[in-house]
Amino acid sequence: MASGFEEFEPIFGKANAEWESNSTSSSSSSSCFLPFLFHFHALDTYSLRIHVTDFHSYTWEAKRSIEQLQDMRDGIGVGGSWVEFVDYLIESFKSDNVKLVLRTAKSQSSTSDHGATSAKLIAHKSKGMPRISISLEKLMEPSASDAMANLSFGLFKAFRSKNNSAVKEEQEQSNYLRRASDTEQVQNTTSFFLTYIYEAAEV
């Protein structure tokens, strides 16, 4: 049995959005999209969840259990242990190679465009490495707002934790320098008095 996700640290990042190559959307350029952020985190001990949103028109979600991720590992051909696969998964979504591919259901005979109706998130560690592709489900209200709120709060907690760590490190460094300065001052004072006593004794 593969180990769970008790120590899985949330991943936040930007996904580069583009239309699928055979999409019939009237807006074929990726420049029409607002920036998309994603939040990859442990839903519980045995499953992961991804939220992807532009905080405006589109919010997507995917959930994957350990069993589904094991099937994914076999499908994309990532060898090694389960832990090594999870590490590859993390490194892929922490890289700059995360892409959101959207597709519309608009037909060639229709003039209406209802925007993206399906999407998938694709990531890989580096060029030439296996690609991880995860199909996403489009969220509607109120689930979409819940997902955006969860991402925002998760991002705030991550920022606060990082900021607190930086402040703590700065304080520890300051304390170290102060102690080093105090020690040096004591040593200099001691050296001065020893020299004074030695010179006085010679006189």
C-alpha atoms as a PDB file:
ATOM      1  CA  MET A   1       0.000   0.000   0.000  1.00  0.00           C
ATOM      2  CA  ALA A   2       1.374   3.401  -0.999  1.00  0.00           C
ATOM      3  CA  SER A   3       1.966   5.906   1.765  1.00  0.00           C
ATOM      4  CA  GLY A   4      -0.533   8.724   2.249  1.00  0.00           C
ATOM      5  CA  PHE A   5      -0.325  12.487   1.925  1.00  0.00           C
ATOM      6  CA  GLU A   6       0.036  13.489   5.582  1.00  0.00           C
ATOM      7  CA  GLU A   7       3.106  15.619   4.834  1.00  0.00           C
ATOM      8  CA  PHE A   8       2.094  16.887   1.383  1.00  0.00           C
ATOM      9  CA  GLU A   9       2.829  20.621   1.238  1.00  0.00           C
ATOM     10  CA  PRO A  10       0.356  22.734  -0.806  1.00  0.00           C
ATOM     11  CA  ILE A  11       1.626  23.903  -4.190  1.00  0.00           C
ATOM     12  CA  PHE A  12       0.590  27.235  -5.696  1.00  0.00           C
ATOM     13  CA  GLY A  13       1.460  28.341  -9.195  1.00  0.00           C
ATOM     14  CA  LYS A  14       0.462  29.982 -12.456  1.00  0.00           C
ATOM     15  CA  ALA A  15      -0.893  27.890 -15.309  1.00  0.00           C
ATOM     16  CA  ASN A  16      -0.369  29.124 -18.863  1.00  0.00           C
ATOM     17  CA  ALA A  17      -3.760  28.854 -20.573  1.00  0.00           C
ATOM     18  CA  GLU A  18      -4.315  28.038 -24.224  1.00  0.00           C
ATOM     19  CA  TRP A  19      -7.046  26.629 -26.433  1.00  0.00           C
ATOM     20  CA  GLU A  20      -6.746  23.065 -27.624  1.00  0.00           C
ATOM     21  CA  SER A  21      -5.276  22.960 -31.128  1.00  0.00           C
ATOM     22  CA  ASN A  22      -8.479  21.601 -32.709  1.00  0.00           C
ATOM     23  CA  SER A  23     -10.788  23.855 -30.699  1.00  0.00           C
ATOM     24  CA  THR A  24     -13.294  25.854 -32.768  1.00  0.00           C
ATOM     25  CA  SER A  25     -13.396  28.758 -30.335  1.00  0.00           C
ATOM     26  CA  SER A  26     -13.563  32.157 -31.986  1.00  0.00           C
ATOM     27  CA  SER A  27     -10.838  33.291 -29.564  1.00  0.00           C
ATOM     28  CA  SER A  28      -7.911  31.137 -30.601  1.00  0.00           C
ATOM     29  CA  SER A  29      -5.252  33.263 -28.972  1.00  0.00           C
ATOM     30  CA  SER A  30      -4.154  32.618 -25.402  1.00  0.00           C
ATOM     31  CA  SER A  31      -3.976  36.395 -24.927  1.00  0.00           C
ATOM     32  CA  CYS A  32      -7.754  36.449 -24.368  1.00  0.00           C
ATOM     33  CA  PHE A  33      -7.390  34.647 -21.033  1.00  0.00           C
ATOM     34  CA  LEU A  34      -7.026  36.184 -17.623  1.00  0.00           C
ATOM     35  CA  PRO A  35      -4.151  34.745 -15.557  1.00  0.00           C
ATOM     36  CA  PHE A  36      -4.927  31.338 -14.046  1.00  0.00           C
ATOM     37  CA  LEU A  37      -3.664  30.258 -10.629  1.00  0.00           C
ATOM     38  CA  PHE A  38      -3.734  26.697  -9.342  1.00  0.00           C
ATOM     39  CA  HIS A  39      -3.741  25.190  -5.864  1.00  0.00           C
ATOM     40  CA  PHE A  40      -2.545  21.570  -5.558  1.00  0.00           C
ATOM     41  CA  HIS A  41      -3.097  20.180  -2.071  1.00  0.00           C
ATOM     42  CA  ALA A  42      -4.025  17.149   0.017  1.00  0.00           C
ATOM     43  CA  LEU A  43      -7.786  16.785   0.387  1.00  0.00           C
ATOM     44  CA  ASP A  44      -7.248  14.091   3.009  1.00  0.00           C
ATOM     45  CA  THR A  45      -4.718  11.366   3.808  1.00  0.00           C
ATOM     46  CA  TYR A  46      -5.510   9.355   0.686  1.00  0.00           C
ATOM     47  CA  SER A  47      -6.360  11.890  -2.022  1.00  0.00           C
ATOM     48  CA  LEU A  48      -5.163  15.092  -3.678  1.00  0.00           C
ATOM     49  CA  ARG A  49      -7.197  17.970  -5.077  1.00  0.00           C
ATOM     50  CA  ILE A  50      -6.431  20.652  -7.647  1.00  0.00           C
ATOM     51  CA  HIS A  51      -8.255  23.942  -8.082  1.00  0.00           C
ATOM     52  CA  VAL A  52      -7.554  26.153 -11.097  1.00  0.00           C
ATOM     53  CA  THR A  53      -9.197  29.563 -11.444  1.00  0.00           C
ATOM     54  CA  ASP A  54      -8.978  32.962 -13.110  1.00  0.00           C
ATOM     55  CA  PHE A  55     -11.206  34.405 -10.328  1.00  0.00           C
ATOM     56  CA  HIS A  56     -13.659  35.535 -12.982  1.00  0.00           C
ATOM     57  CA  SER A  57     -15.098  33.219 -15.615  1.00  0.00           C
ATOM     58  CA  TYR A  58     -13.544  29.823 -15.046  1.00  0.00           C
ATOM     59  CA  THR A  59     -12.909  27.647 -12.018  1.00  0.00           C
ATOM     60  CA  TRP A  60     -11.924  24.006 -12.390  1.00  0.00           C
ATOM     61  CA  GLU A  61     -11.378  21.092 -10.038  1.00  0.00           C
ATOM     62  CA  ALA A  62      -9.886  17.600 -10.031  1.00  0.00           C
ATOM     63  CA  LYS A  63      -9.601  14.991  -7.285  1.00  0.00           C
ATOM     64  CA  ARG A  64      -7.286  12.003  -7.461  1.00  0.00           C
ATOM     65  CA  SER A  65      -7.062   9.111  -5.026  1.00  0.00           C
ATOM     66  CA  ILE A  66      -3.892   7.118  -4.403  1.00  0.00           C
ATOM     67  CA  GLU A  67      -5.263   4.324  -6.611  1.00  0.00           C
ATOM     68  CA  GLN A  68      -5.945   6.764  -9.479  1.00  0.00           C
ATOM     69  CA  LEU A  69      -2.467   8.261  -9.142  1.00  0.00           C
ATOM     70  CA  GLN A  70      -0.925   4.788  -9.226  1.00  0.00           C
ATOM     71  CA  ASP A  71      -2.799   4.111 -12.474  1.00  0.00           C
ATOM     72  CA  MET A  72      -1.526   7.453 -13.792  1.00  0.00           C
ATOM     73  CA  ARG A  73       2.047   6.488 -12.912  1.00  0.00           C
ATOM     74  CA  ASP A  74       1.713   3.261 -14.882  1.00  0.00           C
ATOM     75  CA  GLY A  75       0.078   5.084 -17.792  1.00  0.00           C
ATOM     76  CA  ILE A  76       2.710   7.791 -18.268  1.00  0.00           C
ATOM     77  CA  GLY A  77       5.654   5.491 -17.641  1.00  0.00           C
ATOM     78  CA  VAL A  78       7.290   7.082 -14.616  1.00  0.00           C
ATOM     79  CA  GLY A  79       9.420   4.347 -13.076  1.00  0.00           C
ATOM     80  CA  GLY A  80      10.756   3.980  -9.578  1.00  0.00           C
ATOM     81  CA  SER A  81       8.997   3.802  -6.244  1.00  0.00           C
ATOM     82  CA  TRP A  82       5.756   5.476  -5.186  1.00  0.00           C
ATOM     83  CA  VAL A  83       7.707   8.095  -3.240  1.00  0.00           C
ATOM     84  CA  GLU A  84       9.792   8.882  -6.339  1.00  0.00           C
ATOM     85  CA  PHE A  85       6.618   9.299  -8.396  1.00  0.00           C
ATOM     86  CA  VAL A  86       5.115  11.698  -5.835  1.00  0.00           C
ATOM     87  CA  ASP A  87       8.391  13.651  -5.877  1.00  0.00           C
ATOM     88  CA  TYR A  88       8.186  13.837  -9.690  1.00  0.00           C
ATOM     89  CA  LEU A  89       4.568  14.996  -9.421  1.00  0.00           C
ATOM     90  CA  ILE A  90       5.562  17.762  -6.997  1.00  0.00           C
ATOM     91  CA  GLU A  91       8.571  18.880  -9.048  1.00  0.00           C
ATOM     92  CA  SER A  92       6.465  18.980 -12.221  1.00  0.00           C
ATOM     93  CA  PHE A  93       3.844  21.277 -10.693  1.00  0.00           C
ATOM     94  CA  LYS A  94       6.506  23.451  -9.093  1.00  0.00           C
ATOM     95  CA  SER A  95       8.172  23.982 -12.468  1.00  0.00           C
ATOM     96  CA  ASP A  96       7.358  26.628 -15.070  1.00  0.00           C
ATOM     97  CA  ASN A  97       5.992  23.905 -17.365  1.00  0.00           C
ATOM     98  CA  VAL A  98       2.368  23.919 -16.193  1.00  0.00           C
ATOM     99  CA  LYS A  99      -0.208  24.421 -18.917  1.00  0.00           C
ATOM    100  CA  LEU A 100      -4.002  24.672 -18.856  1.00  0.00           C
ATOM    101  CA  VAL A 101      -5.535  23.429 -22.100  1.00  0.00           C
ATOM    102  CA  LEU A 102      -9.161  24.444 -22.631  1.00  0.00           C
ATOM    103  CA  ARG A 103     -11.703  23.148 -25.095  1.00  0.00           C
ATOM    104  CA  THR A 104     -15.053  24.482 -26.254  1.00  0.00           C
ATOM    105  CA  ALA A 105     -18.057  22.476 -27.379  1.00  0.00           C
ATOM    106  CA  LYS A 106     -18.926  25.021 -30.087  1.00  0.00           C
ATOM    107  CA  SER A 107     -19.620  23.318 -33.405  1.00  0.00           C
ATOM    108  CA  GLN A 108     -18.534  24.476 -36.839  1.00  0.00           C
ATOM    109  CA  SER A 109     -22.160  25.214 -37.788  1.00  0.00           C
ATOM    110  CA  SER A 110     -22.884  27.291 -34.679  1.00  0.00           C
ATOM    111  CA  THR A 111     -22.183  30.992 -34.380  1.00  0.00           C
ATOM    112  CA  SER A 112     -22.534  31.041 -30.597  1.00  0.00           C
ATOM    113  CA  ASP A 113     -19.541  30.633 -28.331  1.00  0.00           C
ATOM    114  CA  HIS A 114     -20.130  29.423 -24.793  1.00  0.00           C
ATOM    115  CA  GLY A 115     -16.479  29.546 -23.797  1.00  0.00           C
ATOM    116  CA  ALA A 116     -14.490  26.644 -22.432  1.00  0.00           C
ATOM    117  CA  THR A 117     -16.511  23.570 -21.514  1.00  0.00           C
ATOM    118  CA  SER A 118     -13.682  21.213 -20.571  1.00  0.00           C
ATOM    119  CA  ALA A 119     -10.046  21.511 -19.573  1.00  0.00           C
ATOM    120  CA  LYS A 120      -6.975  19.590 -18.547  1.00  0.00           C
ATOM    121  CA  LEU A 121      -3.892  20.576 -16.594  1.00  0.00           C
ATOM    122  CA  ILE A 122      -0.588  19.387 -18.048  1.00  0.00           C
ATOM    123  CA  ALA A 123       2.772  19.510 -16.285  1.00  0.00           C
ATOM    124  CA  HIS A 124       6.230  18.027 -16.690  1.00  0.00           C
ATOM    125  CA  LYS A 125       9.486  18.439 -14.822  1.00  0.00           C
ATOM    126  CA  SER A 126      11.542  19.473 -17.844  1.00  0.00           C
ATOM    127  CA  LYS A 127      11.661  19.127 -21.621  1.00  0.00           C
ATOM    128  CA  GLY A 128      11.571  15.526 -22.746  1.00  0.00           C
ATOM    129  CA  MET A 129      10.301  14.215 -19.401  1.00  0.00           C
ATOM    130  CA  PRO A 130       6.944  12.390 -19.026  1.00  0.00           C
ATOM    131  CA  ARG A 131       3.898  14.654 -19.063  1.00  0.00           C
ATOM    132  CA  ILE A 132       1.284  14.522 -16.327  1.00  0.00           C
ATOM    133  CA  SER A 133      -2.180  15.265 -17.687  1.00  0.00           C
ATOM    134  CA  ILE A 134      -5.161  15.710 -15.362  1.00  0.00           C
ATOM    135  CA  SER A 135      -8.694  16.266 -16.665  1.00  0.00           C
ATOM    136  CA  LEU A 136     -10.615  18.971 -14.828  1.00  0.00           C
ATOM    137  CA  GLU A 137     -14.274  19.446 -13.992  1.00  0.00           C
ATOM    138  CA  LYS A 138     -15.797  22.882 -14.419  1.00  0.00           C
ATOM    139  CA  LEU A 139     -17.256  24.225 -11.178  1.00  0.00           C
ATOM    140  CA  MET A 140     -20.422  26.271 -10.966  1.00  0.00           C
ATOM    141  CA  GLU A 141     -21.671  28.417  -8.092  1.00  0.00           C
ATOM    142  CA  PRO A 142     -21.470  28.088  -5.132  1.00  0.00           C
ATOM    143  CA  SER A 143     -18.700  25.492  -5.533  1.00  0.00           C
ATOM    144  CA  ALA A 144     -16.629  27.868  -7.677  1.00  0.00           C
ATOM    145  CA  SER A 145     -16.678  30.574  -4.993  1.00  0.00           C
ATOM    146  CA  ASP A 146     -15.759  28.006  -2.345  1.00  0.00           C
ATOM    147  CA  ALA A 147     -12.782  26.900  -4.436  1.00  0.00           C
ATOM    148  CA  MET A 148     -11.603  30.486  -4.957  1.00  0.00           C
ATOM    149  CA  ALA A 149     -11.944  31.204  -1.243  1.00  0.00           C
ATOM    150  CA  ASN A 150     -10.022  28.035  -0.389  1.00  0.00           C
ATOM    151  CA  LEU A 151      -7.214  28.981  -2.781  1.00  0.00           C
ATOM    152  CA  SER A 152      -7.037  32.533  -1.448  1.00  0.00           C
ATOM    153  CA  PHE A 153      -6.930  31.443   2.187  1.00  0.00           C
ATOM    154  CA  GLY A 154      -4.386  28.724   1.427  1.00  0.00           C
ATOM    155  CA  LEU A 155      -2.179  31.262  -0.338  1.00  0.00           C
ATOM    156  CA  PHE A 156      -2.472  33.620   2.638  1.00  0.00           C
ATOM    157  CA  LYS A 157      -1.463  30.865   5.074  1.00  0.00           C
ATOM    158  CA  ALA A 158       1.515  29.934   2.900  1.00  0.00           C
ATOM    159  CA  PHE A 159       2.615  33.585   2.723  1.00  0.00           C
ATOM    160  CA  ARG A 160       2.211  34.064   6.475  1.00  0.00           C
ATOM    161  CA  SER A 161       4.182  30.897   7.215  1.00  0.00           C
ATOM    162  CA  LYS A 162       6.991  31.939   4.883  1.00  0.00           C
ATOM    163  CA  ASN A 163       7.013  35.473   6.290  1.00  0.00           C
ATOM    164  CA  ASN A 164       7.098  34.198   9.877  1.00  0.00           C
ATOM    165  CA  SER A 165       9.988  31.900   8.987  1.00  0.00           C
ATOM    166  CA  ALA A 166      11.881  34.817   7.433  1.00  0.00           C
ATOM    167  CA  VAL A 167      11.264  37.005  10.499  1.00  0.00           C
ATOM    168  CA  LYS A 168      12.368  34.204  12.830  1.00  0.00           C
ATOM    169  CA  GLU A 169      15.517  33.626  10.781  1.00  0.00           C
ATOM    170  CA  GLU A 170      16.279  37.357  10.818  1.00  0.00           C
ATOM    171  CA  GLN A 171      15.815  37.490  14.600  1.00  0.00           C
ATOM    172  CA  GLU A 172      18.073  34.475  15.112  1.00  0.00           C
ATOM    173  CA  GLN A 173      20.734  36.050  12.909  1.00  0.00           C
ATOM    174  CA  SER A 174      20.436  39.333  14.815  1.00  0.00           C
ATOM    175  CA  ASN A 175      20.731  37.522  18.156  1.00  0.00           C
ATOM    176  CA  TYR A 176      23.771  35.624  16.914  1.00  0.00           C
ATOM    177  CA  LEU A 177      25.495  38.818  15.771  1.00  0.00           C
ATOM    178  CA  ARG A 178      24.661  40.530  19.069  1.00  0.00           C
ATOM    179  CA  ARG A 179      26.079  37.623  21.076  1.00  0.00           C
ATOM    180  CA  ALA A 180      29.170  37.562  18.880  1.00  0.00           C
ATOM    181  CA  SER A 181      29.607  41.314  19.389  1.00  0.00           C
ATOM    182  CA  ASP A 182      29.176  40.973  23.168  1.00  0.00           C
ATOM    183  CA  THR A 183      31.695  38.123  23.265  1.00  0.00           C
ATOM    184  CA  GLU A 184      34.199  40.131  21.242  1.00  0.00           C
ATOM    185  CA  GLN A 185      33.704  43.141  23.526  1.00  0.00           C
ATOM    186  CA  VAL A 186      34.306  41.005  26.628  1.00  0.00           C
ATOM    187  CA  GLN A 187      37.405  39.506  25.054  1.00  0.00           C
ATOM    188  CA  ASN A 188      38.746  42.949  24.140  1.00  0.00           C
ATOM    189  CA  THR A 189      38.055  44.276  27.651  1.00  0.00           C
ATOM    190  CA  THR A 190      39.700  41.249  29.248  1.00  0.00           C
ATOM    191  CA  SER A 191      42.703  41.576  26.966  1.00  0.00           C
ATOM    192  CA  PHE A 192      43.009  45.274  27.824  1.00  0.00           C
ATOM    193  CA  PHE A 193      43.012  44.641  31.593  1.00  0.00           C
ATOM    194  CA  LEU A 194      45.444  41.737  31.306  1.00  0.00           C
ATOM    195  CA  THR A 195      47.808  43.925  29.308  1.00  0.00           C
ATOM    196  CA  TYR A 196      47.428  46.728  31.853  1.00  0.00           C
ATOM    197  CA  ILE A 197      48.129  44.401  34.778  1.00  0.00           C
ATOM    198  CA  TYR A 198      51.124  42.865  33.009  1.00  0.00           C
ATOM    199  CA  GLU A 199      52.612  46.270  32.212  1.00  0.00           C
ATOM    200  CA  ALA A 200      51.958  47.504  35.776  1.00  0.00           C
ATOM    201  CA  ALA A 201      53.685  44.430  37.199  1.00  0.00           C
ATOM    202  CA  GLU A 202      56.777  45.095  35.079  1.00  0.00           C
ATOM    203  CA  VAL A 203      56.981  48.642  36.420  1.00  0.00           C
END
